[in-house]
Amino acid sequence: MGWVMIVPQSKEELQHLHKMFSGQRFWIGCHDIETEGTWECLGEGTFEVDTEMWAYSEPNNYANGNCALGSAFGLHDVDCDSLQKLVCQRPVAPALLLL
């Protein structure tokens, strides 16, 4: 299995990632390209993004923002063609059961 873009599960996890990467903004693996307002995450399917994770007045679809970006203020929906850093993680391999 390959690496995938990270999908923070809480505001605390998002803040931790932001600190780890020296305050830089970064992509997370979520978008609402298919249906505006319905966020899908890579490898997760449809994902209900906790409203506490969004920055003030986000998501607002400004400039056709369909991809989620993490920052010190929370998540923003921005243009998917914007040049940003990204954070990836390696999925945990399922345990083998030997009988």
PDB file of N, CA and C in Angstrom:
ATOM      1  N   MET A   1       0.830  -1.179   0.000  1.00  0.00           N
ATOM      2  CA  MET A   1       0.000   0.000   0.000  1.00  0.00           C
ATOM      3  C   MET A   1       0.876   1.245   0.000  1.00  0.00           C
ATOM      4  N   GLY A   2       0.460   2.253  -0.757  1.00  0.00           N
ATOM      5  CA  GLY A   2       1.245   3.472  -0.825  1.00  0.00           C
ATOM      6  C   GLY A   2       0.849   4.492   0.226  1.00  0.00           C
ATOM      7  N   TRP A   3       1.498   5.620   0.160  1.00  0.00           N
ATOM      8  CA  TRP A   3       1.223   6.714   1.077  1.00  0.00           C
ATOM      9  C   TRP A   3      -0.001   7.483   0.592  1.00  0.00           C
ATOM     10  N   VAL A   4      -0.728   8.104   1.522  1.00  0.00           N
ATOM     11  CA  VAL A   4      -1.909   8.897   1.193  1.00  0.00           C
ATOM     12  C   VAL A   4      -1.831  10.244   1.911  1.00  0.00           C
ATOM     13  N   MET A   5      -2.530  11.235   1.346  1.00  0.00           N
ATOM     14  CA  MET A   5      -2.579  12.534   2.012  1.00  0.00           C
ATOM     15  C   MET A   5      -3.303  12.375   3.344  1.00  0.00           C
ATOM     16  N   ILE A   6      -2.841  13.101   4.330  1.00  0.00           N
ATOM     17  CA  ILE A   6      -3.394  12.983   5.681  1.00  0.00           C
ATOM     18  C   ILE A   6      -4.790  13.597   5.756  1.00  0.00           C
ATOM     19  N   VAL A   7      -5.613  13.021   6.610  1.00  0.00           N
ATOM     20  CA  VAL A   7      -6.952  13.537   6.894  1.00  0.00           C
ATOM     21  C   VAL A   7      -7.063  13.668   8.411  1.00  0.00           C
ATOM     22  N   PRO A   8      -6.826  14.876   8.953  1.00  0.00           N
ATOM     23  CA  PRO A   8      -6.920  15.038  10.411  1.00  0.00           C
ATOM     24  C   PRO A   8      -8.329  14.728  10.908  1.00  0.00           C
ATOM     25  N   GLN A   9      -8.416  14.057  12.038  1.00  0.00           N
ATOM     26  CA  GLN A   9      -9.706  13.630  12.578  1.00  0.00           C
ATOM     27  C   GLN A   9     -10.261  14.579  13.638  1.00  0.00           C
ATOM     28  N   SER A  10      -9.483  15.595  14.036  1.00  0.00           N
ATOM     29  CA  SER A  10      -9.948  16.533  15.059  1.00  0.00           C
ATOM     30  C   SER A  10      -9.203  17.857  14.904  1.00  0.00           C
ATOM     31  N   LYS A  11      -9.738  18.890  15.543  1.00  0.00           N
ATOM     32  CA  LYS A  11      -9.074  20.196  15.521  1.00  0.00           C
ATOM     33  C   LYS A  11      -7.715  20.102  16.216  1.00  0.00           C
ATOM     34  N   GLU A  12      -7.630  19.304  17.276  1.00  0.00           N
ATOM     35  CA  GLU A  12      -6.364  19.131  17.994  1.00  0.00           C
ATOM     36  C   GLU A  12      -5.303  18.490  17.093  1.00  0.00           C
ATOM     37  N   GLU A  13      -5.707  17.487  16.323  1.00  0.00           N
ATOM     38  CA  GLU A  13      -4.772  16.841  15.396  1.00  0.00           C
ATOM     39  C   GLU A  13      -4.319  17.827  14.320  1.00  0.00           C
ATOM     40  N   LEU A  14      -5.234  18.641  13.822  1.00  0.00           N
ATOM     41  CA  LEU A  14      -4.896  19.659  12.831  1.00  0.00           C
ATOM     42  C   LEU A  14      -3.897  20.656  13.402  1.00  0.00           C
ATOM     43  N   GLN A  15      -4.110  21.115  14.640  1.00  0.00           N
ATOM     44  CA  GLN A  15      -3.200  22.061  15.284  1.00  0.00           C
ATOM     45  C   GLN A  15      -1.833  21.423  15.510  1.00  0.00           C
ATOM     46  N   HIS A  16      -1.806  20.143  15.895  1.00  0.00           N
ATOM     47  CA  HIS A  16      -0.541  19.429  16.085  1.00  0.00           C
ATOM     48  C   HIS A  16       0.246  19.366  14.772  1.00  0.00           C
ATOM     49  N   LEU A  17      -0.424  19.052  13.683  1.00  0.00           N
ATOM     50  CA  LEU A  17       0.237  18.996  12.379  1.00  0.00           C
ATOM     51  C   LEU A  17       0.791  20.365  11.998  1.00  0.00           C
ATOM     52  N   HIS A  18       0.019  21.395  12.265  1.00  0.00           N
ATOM     53  CA  HIS A  18       0.455  22.751  11.943  1.00  0.00           C
ATOM     54  C   HIS A  18       1.733  23.095  12.695  1.00  0.00           C
ATOM     55  N   LYS A  19       1.815  22.731  13.973  1.00  0.00           N
ATOM     56  CA  LYS A  19       3.020  22.979  14.771  1.00  0.00           C
ATOM     57  C   LYS A  19       4.199  22.162  14.250  1.00  0.00           C
ATOM     58  N   MET A  20       3.933  20.891  13.892  1.00  0.00           N
ATOM     59  CA  MET A  20       4.999  20.016  13.386  1.00  0.00           C
ATOM     60  C   MET A  20       5.661  20.584  12.139  1.00  0.00           C
ATOM     61  N   PHE A  21       4.885  21.289  11.330  1.00  0.00           N
ATOM     62  CA  PHE A  21       5.392  21.786  10.061  1.00  0.00           C
ATOM     63  C   PHE A  21       5.628  23.288  10.089  1.00  0.00           C
ATOM     64  N   SER A  22       6.045  23.771  11.273  1.00  0.00           N
ATOM     65  CA  SER A  22       6.515  25.153  11.460  1.00  0.00           C
ATOM     66  C   SER A  22       5.532  26.203  10.972  1.00  0.00           C
ATOM     67  N   GLY A  23       4.272  25.962  11.184  1.00  0.00           N
ATOM     68  CA  GLY A  23       3.275  26.969  10.858  1.00  0.00           C
ATOM     69  C   GLY A  23       2.945  27.107   9.381  1.00  0.00           C
ATOM     70  N   GLN A  24       3.448  26.228   8.546  1.00  0.00           N
ATOM     71  CA  GLN A  24       3.148  26.317   7.120  1.00  0.00           C
ATOM     72  C   GLN A  24       1.762  25.764   6.826  1.00  0.00           C
ATOM     73  N   ARG A  25       1.133  26.281   5.792  1.00  0.00           N
ATOM     74  CA  ARG A  25      -0.163  25.761   5.338  1.00  0.00           C
ATOM     75  C   ARG A  25       0.075  24.497   4.517  1.00  0.00           C
ATOM     76  N   PHE A  26      -0.883  23.578   4.537  1.00  0.00           N
ATOM     77  CA  PHE A  26      -0.678  22.310   3.834  1.00  0.00           C
ATOM     78  C   PHE A  26      -2.010  21.723   3.400  1.00  0.00           C
ATOM     79  N   TRP A  27      -1.956  20.978   2.287  1.00  0.00           N
ATOM     80  CA  TRP A  27      -3.131  20.265   1.801  1.00  0.00           C
ATOM     81  C   TRP A  27      -3.458  19.117   2.738  1.00  0.00           C
ATOM     82  N   ILE A  28      -4.746  18.854   2.880  1.00  0.00           N
ATOM     83  CA  ILE A  28      -5.165  17.581   3.461  1.00  0.00           C
ATOM     84  C   ILE A  28      -5.965  16.879   2.362  1.00  0.00           C
ATOM     85  N   GLY A  29      -6.190  15.622   2.498  1.00  0.00           N
ATOM     86  CA  GLY A  29      -6.778  14.843   1.408  1.00  0.00           C
ATOM     87  C   GLY A  29      -8.285  14.908   1.299  1.00  0.00           C
ATOM     88  N   CYS A  30      -8.889  16.096   1.345  1.00  0.00           N
ATOM     89  CA  CYS A  30     -10.344  16.225   1.239  1.00  0.00           C
ATOM     90  C   CYS A  30     -10.727  17.268   0.192  1.00  0.00           C
ATOM     91  N   HIS A  31     -11.851  17.017  -0.485  1.00  0.00           N
ATOM     92  CA  HIS A  31     -12.338  17.945  -1.509  1.00  0.00           C
ATOM     93  C   HIS A  31     -13.855  17.847  -1.610  1.00  0.00           C
ATOM     94  N   ASP A  32     -14.462  18.860  -2.224  1.00  0.00           N
ATOM     95  CA  ASP A  32     -15.899  18.795  -2.539  1.00  0.00           C
ATOM     96  C   ASP A  32     -16.121  19.094  -4.021  1.00  0.00           C
ATOM     97  N   ILE A  33     -15.280  18.497  -4.855  1.00  0.00           N
ATOM     98  CA  ILE A  33     -15.332  18.710  -6.308  1.00  0.00           C
ATOM     99  C   ILE A  33     -16.627  18.160  -6.908  1.00  0.00           C
ATOM    100  N   GLU A  34     -17.025  16.966  -6.489  1.00  0.00           N
ATOM    101  CA  GLU A  34     -18.206  16.320  -7.069  1.00  0.00           C
ATOM    102  C   GLU A  34     -19.494  17.069  -6.737  1.00  0.00           C
ATOM    103  N   THR A  35     -19.701  17.368  -5.455  1.00  0.00           N
ATOM    104  CA  THR A  35     -20.912  18.046  -4.993  1.00  0.00           C
ATOM    105  C   THR A  35     -20.503  19.108  -3.983  1.00  0.00           C
ATOM    106  N   GLU A  36     -20.779  20.365  -4.288  1.00  0.00           N
ATOM    107  CA  GLU A  36     -20.414  21.457  -3.395  1.00  0.00           C
ATOM    108  C   GLU A  36     -21.006  21.225  -2.003  1.00  0.00           C
ATOM    109  N   GLY A  37     -20.123  21.269  -0.994  1.00  0.00           N
ATOM    110  CA  GLY A  37     -20.559  21.098   0.391  1.00  0.00           C
ATOM    111  C   GLY A  37     -20.521  19.673   0.897  1.00  0.00           C
ATOM    112  N   THR A  38     -20.329  18.690  -0.008  1.00  0.00           N
ATOM    113  CA  THR A  38     -20.178  17.292   0.399  1.00  0.00           C
ATOM    114  C   THR A  38     -18.711  16.937   0.268  1.00  0.00           C
ATOM    115  N   TRP A  39     -18.033  16.887   1.399  1.00  0.00           N
ATOM    116  CA  TRP A  39     -16.585  16.673   1.406  1.00  0.00           C
ATOM    117  C   TRP A  39     -16.255  15.195   1.346  1.00  0.00           C
ATOM    118  N   GLU A  40     -15.378  14.842   0.416  1.00  0.00           N
ATOM    119  CA  GLU A  40     -14.887  13.477   0.279  1.00  0.00           C
ATOM    120  C   GLU A  40     -13.400  13.502   0.586  1.00  0.00           C
ATOM    121  N   CYS A  41     -12.939  12.444   1.240  1.00  0.00           N
ATOM    122  CA  CYS A  41     -11.524  12.368   1.599  1.00  0.00           C
ATOM    123  C   CYS A  41     -10.904  11.133   0.974  1.00  0.00           C
ATOM    124  N   LEU A  42      -9.688  11.269   0.529  1.00  0.00           N
ATOM    125  CA  LEU A  42      -8.979  10.170  -0.116  1.00  0.00           C
ATOM    126  C   LEU A  42      -8.907   8.981   0.825  1.00  0.00           C
ATOM    127  N   GLY A  43      -9.388   7.858   0.356  1.00  0.00           N
ATOM    128  CA  GLY A  43      -9.343   6.641   1.151  1.00  0.00           C
ATOM    129  C   GLY A  43     -10.377   6.580   2.260  1.00  0.00           C
ATOM    130  N   GLU A  44     -11.167   7.636   2.440  1.00  0.00           N
ATOM    131  CA  GLU A  44     -12.124   7.686   3.538  1.00  0.00           C
ATOM    132  C   GLU A  44     -13.572   7.682   3.049  1.00  0.00           C
ATOM    133  N   GLY A  45     -13.800   7.990   1.770  1.00  0.00           N
ATOM    134  CA  GLY A  45     -15.162   8.163   1.287  1.00  0.00           C
ATOM    135  C   GLY A  45     -15.703   9.513   1.736  1.00  0.00           C
ATOM    136  N   THR A  46     -17.011   9.646   1.814  1.00  0.00           N
ATOM    137  CA  THR A  46     -17.611  10.894   2.262  1.00  0.00           C
ATOM    138  C   THR A  46     -17.236  11.110   3.723  1.00  0.00           C
ATOM    139  N   PHE A  47     -16.867  12.322   4.058  1.00  0.00           N
ATOM    140  CA  PHE A  47     -16.344  12.640   5.380  1.00  0.00           C
ATOM    141  C   PHE A  47     -17.056  13.878   5.886  1.00  0.00           C
ATOM    142  N   GLU A  48     -17.652  13.781   7.042  1.00  0.00           N
ATOM    143  CA  GLU A  48     -18.301  14.932   7.649  1.00  0.00           C
ATOM    144  C   GLU A  48     -17.236  15.694   8.418  1.00  0.00           C
ATOM    145  N   VAL A  49     -16.741  16.800   7.835  1.00  0.00           N
ATOM    146  CA  VAL A  49     -15.688  17.587   8.471  1.00  0.00           C
ATOM    147  C   VAL A  49     -16.322  18.320   9.654  1.00  0.00           C
ATOM    148  N   ASP A  50     -15.760  18.119  10.845  1.00  0.00           N
ATOM    149  CA  ASP A  50     -16.249  18.758  12.062  1.00  0.00           C
ATOM    150  C   ASP A  50     -16.236  20.271  11.863  1.00  0.00           C
ATOM    151  N   THR A  51     -17.357  20.924  12.138  1.00  0.00           N
ATOM    152  CA  THR A  51     -17.444  22.372  11.915  1.00  0.00           C
ATOM    153  C   THR A  51     -16.407  23.136  12.729  1.00  0.00           C
ATOM    154  N   GLU A  52     -15.950  22.585  13.845  1.00  0.00           N
ATOM    155  CA  GLU A  52     -14.906  23.235  14.646  1.00  0.00           C
ATOM    156  C   GLU A  52     -13.570  23.279  13.914  1.00  0.00           C
ATOM    157  N   MET A  53     -13.383  22.414  12.925  1.00  0.00           N
ATOM    158  CA  MET A  53     -12.103  22.363  12.216  1.00  0.00           C
ATOM    159  C   MET A  53     -11.971  23.463  11.165  1.00  0.00           C
ATOM    160  N   TRP A  54     -13.092  24.036  10.707  1.00  0.00           N
ATOM    161  CA  TRP A  54     -13.037  25.084   9.689  1.00  0.00           C
ATOM    162  C   TRP A  54     -12.612  26.416  10.297  1.00  0.00           C
ATOM    163  N   ALA A  55     -11.838  27.178   9.561  1.00  0.00           N
ATOM    164  CA  ALA A  55     -11.496  28.543   9.960  1.00  0.00           C
ATOM    165  C   ALA A  55     -12.765  29.397   9.899  1.00  0.00           C
ATOM    166  N   TYR A  56     -12.729  30.557  10.528  1.00  0.00           N
ATOM    167  CA  TYR A  56     -13.876  31.457  10.543  1.00  0.00           C
ATOM    168  C   TYR A  56     -14.354  31.733   9.112  1.00  0.00           C
ATOM    169  N   SER A  57     -15.626  31.648   8.886  1.00  0.00           N
ATOM    170  CA  SER A  57     -16.324  31.884   7.613  1.00  0.00           C
ATOM    171  C   SER A  57     -15.979  30.873   6.516  1.00  0.00           C
ATOM    172  N   GLU A  58     -15.391  29.755   6.879  1.00  0.00           N
ATOM    173  CA  GLU A  58     -15.093  28.683   5.934  1.00  0.00           C
ATOM    174  C   GLU A  58     -16.020  27.499   6.198  1.00  0.00           C
ATOM    175  N   PRO A  59     -16.288  26.665   5.252  1.00  0.00           N
ATOM    176  CA  PRO A  59     -15.929  26.795   3.838  1.00  0.00           C
ATOM    177  C   PRO A  59     -16.836  27.821   3.161  1.00  0.00           C
ATOM    178  N   ASN A  60     -16.253  28.606   2.268  1.00  0.00           N
ATOM    179  CA  ASN A  60     -17.031  29.669   1.628  1.00  0.00           C
ATOM    180  C   ASN A  60     -17.024  29.593   0.100  1.00  0.00           C
ATOM    181  N   ASN A  61     -16.307  28.609  -0.458  1.00  0.00           N
ATOM    182  CA  ASN A  61     -16.233  28.414  -1.905  1.00  0.00           C
ATOM    183  C   ASN A  61     -15.713  29.644  -2.642  1.00  0.00           C
ATOM    184  N   TYR A  62     -14.956  30.502  -1.949  1.00  0.00           N
ATOM    185  CA  TYR A  62     -14.377  31.678  -2.596  1.00  0.00           C
ATOM    186  C   TYR A  62     -13.439  31.224  -3.713  1.00  0.00           C
ATOM    187  N   ALA A  63     -13.538  31.836  -4.857  1.00  0.00           N
ATOM    188  CA  ALA A  63     -12.693  31.526  -6.022  1.00  0.00           C
ATOM    189  C   ALA A  63     -12.754  30.034  -6.383  1.00  0.00           C
ATOM    190  N   ASN A  64     -13.955  29.462  -6.253  1.00  0.00           N
ATOM    191  CA  ASN A  64     -14.166  28.063  -6.594  1.00  0.00           C
ATOM    192  C   ASN A  64     -13.292  27.119  -5.760  1.00  0.00           C
ATOM    193  N   GLY A  65     -13.189  27.398  -4.457  1.00  0.00           N
ATOM    194  CA  GLY A  65     -12.384  26.568  -3.566  1.00  0.00           C
ATOM    195  C   GLY A  65     -13.029  25.222  -3.327  1.00  0.00           C
ATOM    196  N   ASN A  66     -12.384  24.159  -3.789  1.00  0.00           N
ATOM    197  CA  ASN A  66     -12.926  22.815  -3.647  1.00  0.00           C
ATOM    198  C   ASN A  66     -11.993  21.841  -2.937  1.00  0.00           C
ATOM    199  N   CYS A  67     -10.821  22.317  -2.511  1.00  0.00           N
ATOM    200  CA  CYS A  67      -9.885  21.439  -1.818  1.00  0.00           C
ATOM    201  C   CYS A  67      -9.571  22.020  -0.447  1.00  0.00           C
ATOM    202  N   ALA A  68      -9.352  21.144   0.543  1.00  0.00           N
ATOM    203  CA  ALA A  68      -9.150  21.582   1.926  1.00  0.00           C
ATOM    204  C   ALA A  68      -7.673  21.793   2.231  1.00  0.00           C
ATOM    205  N   LEU A  69      -7.396  22.925   2.865  1.00  0.00           N
ATOM    206  CA  LEU A  69      -6.043  23.342   3.233  1.00  0.00           C
ATOM    207  C   LEU A  69      -6.017  23.611   4.727  1.00  0.00           C
ATOM    208  N   GLY A  70      -5.014  23.072   5.436  1.00  0.00           N
ATOM    209  CA  GLY A  70      -4.867  23.310   6.872  1.00  0.00           C
ATOM    210  C   GLY A  70      -4.000  24.525   7.135  1.00  0.00           C
ATOM    211  N   SER A  71      -4.371  25.297   8.160  1.00  0.00           N
ATOM    212  CA  SER A  71      -3.575  26.462   8.569  1.00  0.00           C
ATOM    213  C   SER A  71      -3.695  26.635  10.074  1.00  0.00           C
ATOM    214  N   ALA A  72      -3.053  27.660  10.604  1.00  0.00           N
ATOM    215  CA  ALA A  72      -3.117  27.954  12.037  1.00  0.00           C
ATOM    216  C   ALA A  72      -4.540  28.266  12.474  1.00  0.00           C
ATOM    217  N   PHE A  73      -5.375  28.707  11.556  1.00  0.00           N
ATOM    218  CA  PHE A  73      -6.740  29.118  11.882  1.00  0.00           C
ATOM    219  C   PHE A  73      -7.763  28.010  11.675  1.00  0.00           C
ATOM    220  N   GLY A  74      -7.352  26.882  11.097  1.00  0.00           N
ATOM    221  CA  GLY A  74      -8.264  25.784  10.805  1.00  0.00           C
ATOM    222  C   GLY A  74      -8.209  25.426   9.338  1.00  0.00           C
ATOM    223  N   LEU A  75      -9.277  24.806   8.845  1.00  0.00           N
ATOM    224  CA  LEU A  75      -9.343  24.406   7.444  1.00  0.00           C
ATOM    225  C   LEU A  75      -9.923  25.523   6.589  1.00  0.00           C
ATOM    226  N   HIS A  76      -9.428  25.614   5.361  1.00  0.00           N
ATOM    227  CA  HIS A  76      -9.926  26.565   4.364  1.00  0.00           C
ATOM    228  C   HIS A  76     -10.250  25.777   3.110  1.00  0.00           C
ATOM    229  N   ASP A  77     -11.267  26.197   2.358  1.00  0.00           N
ATOM    230  CA  ASP A  77     -11.487  25.599   1.039  1.00  0.00           C
ATOM    231  C   ASP A  77     -10.884  26.552   0.013  1.00  0.00           C
ATOM    232  N   VAL A  78      -9.941  26.039  -0.744  1.00  0.00           N
ATOM    233  CA  VAL A  78      -9.195  26.861  -1.702  1.00  0.00           C
ATOM    234  C   VAL A  78      -9.166  26.178  -3.065  1.00  0.00           C
ATOM    235  N   ASP A  79      -8.729  26.923  -4.061  1.00  0.00           N
ATOM    236  CA  ASP A  79      -8.590  26.408  -5.422  1.00  0.00           C
ATOM    237  C   ASP A  79      -7.623  25.227  -5.421  1.00  0.00           C
ATOM    238  N   CYS A  80      -8.037  24.120  -5.987  1.00  0.00           N
ATOM    239  CA  CYS A  80      -7.231  22.896  -5.991  1.00  0.00           C
ATOM    240  C   CYS A  80      -5.933  23.049  -6.781  1.00  0.00           C
ATOM    241  N   ASP A  81      -5.822  24.062  -7.625  1.00  0.00           N
ATOM    242  CA  ASP A  81      -4.605  24.267  -8.407  1.00  0.00           C
ATOM    243  C   ASP A  81      -3.585  25.128  -7.676  1.00  0.00           C
ATOM    244  N   SER A  82      -3.913  25.577  -6.478  1.00  0.00           N
ATOM    245  CA  SER A  82      -3.008  26.401  -5.682  1.00  0.00           C
ATOM    246  C   SER A  82      -1.786  25.578  -5.272  1.00  0.00           C
ATOM    247  N   LEU A  83      -0.606  26.168  -5.370  1.00  0.00           N
ATOM    248  CA  LEU A  83       0.635  25.478  -5.013  1.00  0.00           C
ATOM    249  C   LEU A  83       0.831  25.533  -3.502  1.00  0.00           C
ATOM    250  N   GLN A  84       0.754  24.376  -2.850  1.00  0.00           N
ATOM    251  CA  GLN A  84       0.888  24.281  -1.391  1.00  0.00           C
ATOM    252  C   GLN A  84       1.676  23.031  -1.040  1.00  0.00           C
ATOM    253  N   LYS A  85       2.148  22.957   0.192  1.00  0.00           N
ATOM    254  CA  LYS A  85       2.792  21.745   0.700  1.00  0.00           C
ATOM    255  C   LYS A  85       1.696  20.704   0.947  1.00  0.00           C
ATOM    256  N   LEU A  86       2.097  19.432   1.075  1.00  0.00           N
ATOM    257  CA  LEU A  86       1.133  18.419   1.464  1.00  0.00           C
ATOM    258  C   LEU A  86       1.752  17.484   2.481  1.00  0.00           C
ATOM    259  N   VAL A  87       0.905  16.878   3.287  1.00  0.00           N
ATOM    260  CA  VAL A  87       1.341  15.959   4.331  1.00  0.00           C
ATOM    261  C   VAL A  87       0.755  14.598   4.009  1.00  0.00           C
ATOM    262  N   CYS A  88       1.622  13.580   3.967  1.00  0.00           N
ATOM    263  CA  CYS A  88       1.168  12.229   3.671  1.00  0.00           C
ATOM    264  C   CYS A  88       1.450  11.316   4.850  1.00  0.00           C
ATOM    265  N   GLN A  89       0.719  10.222   4.893  1.00  0.00           N
ATOM    266  CA  GLN A  89       0.947   9.210   5.917  1.00  0.00           C
ATOM    267  C   GLN A  89       0.888   7.838   5.279  1.00  0.00           C
ATOM    268  N   ARG A  90       1.562   6.906   5.894  1.00  0.00           N
ATOM    269  CA  ARG A  90       1.519   5.524   5.418  1.00  0.00           C
ATOM    270  C   ARG A  90       0.419   4.798   6.172  1.00  0.00           C
ATOM    271  N   PRO A  91      -0.511   4.194   5.451  1.00  0.00           N
ATOM    272  CA  PRO A  91      -1.593   3.466   6.130  1.00  0.00           C
ATOM    273  C   PRO A  91      -1.033   2.333   6.992  1.00  0.00           C
ATOM    274  N   VAL A  92      -1.700   2.060   8.092  1.00  0.00           N
ATOM    275  CA  VAL A  92      -1.311   0.965   8.958  1.00  0.00           C
ATOM    276  C   VAL A  92      -1.710  -0.340   8.279  1.00  0.00           C
ATOM    277  N   ALA A  93      -0.762  -1.264   8.185  1.00  0.00           N
ATOM    278  CA  ALA A  93      -1.036  -2.547   7.554  1.00  0.00           C
ATOM    279  C   ALA A  93      -1.915  -3.389   8.471  1.00  0.00           C
ATOM    280  N   PRO A  94      -2.862  -4.115   7.905  1.00  0.00           N
ATOM    281  CA  PRO A  94      -3.697  -4.992   8.746  1.00  0.00           C
ATOM    282  C   PRO A  94      -2.844  -6.107   9.351  1.00  0.00           C
ATOM    283  N   ALA A  95      -3.189  -6.495  10.559  1.00  0.00           N
ATOM    284  CA  ALA A  95      -2.449  -7.566  11.241  1.00  0.00           C
ATOM    285  C   ALA A  95      -2.727  -8.906  10.556  1.00  0.00           C
ATOM    286  N   LEU A  96      -1.722  -9.725  10.521  1.00  0.00           N
ATOM    287  CA  LEU A  96      -1.890 -11.070   9.961  1.00  0.00           C
ATOM    288  C   LEU A  96      -2.288 -12.029  11.079  1.00  0.00           C
ATOM    289  N   LEU A  97      -3.195 -12.889  10.779  1.00  0.00           N
ATOM    290  CA  LEU A  97      -3.607 -13.895  11.732  1.00  0.00           C
ATOM    291  C   LEU A  97      -3.145 -15.242  11.196  1.00  0.00           C
ATOM    292  N   LEU A  98      -2.219 -15.853  11.896  1.00  0.00           N
ATOM    293  CA  LEU A  98      -1.706 -17.162  11.475  1.00  0.00           C
ATOM    294  C   LEU A  98      -2.389 -18.241  12.288  1.00  0.00           C
ATOM    295  N   LEU A  99      -2.933 -19.204  11.613  1.00  0.00           N
ATOM    296  CA  LEU A  99      -3.601 -20.318  12.306  1.00  0.00           C
ATOM    297  C   LEU A  99      -2.839 -21.583  12.130  1.00  0.00           C
TER     298      LEU A  99
END
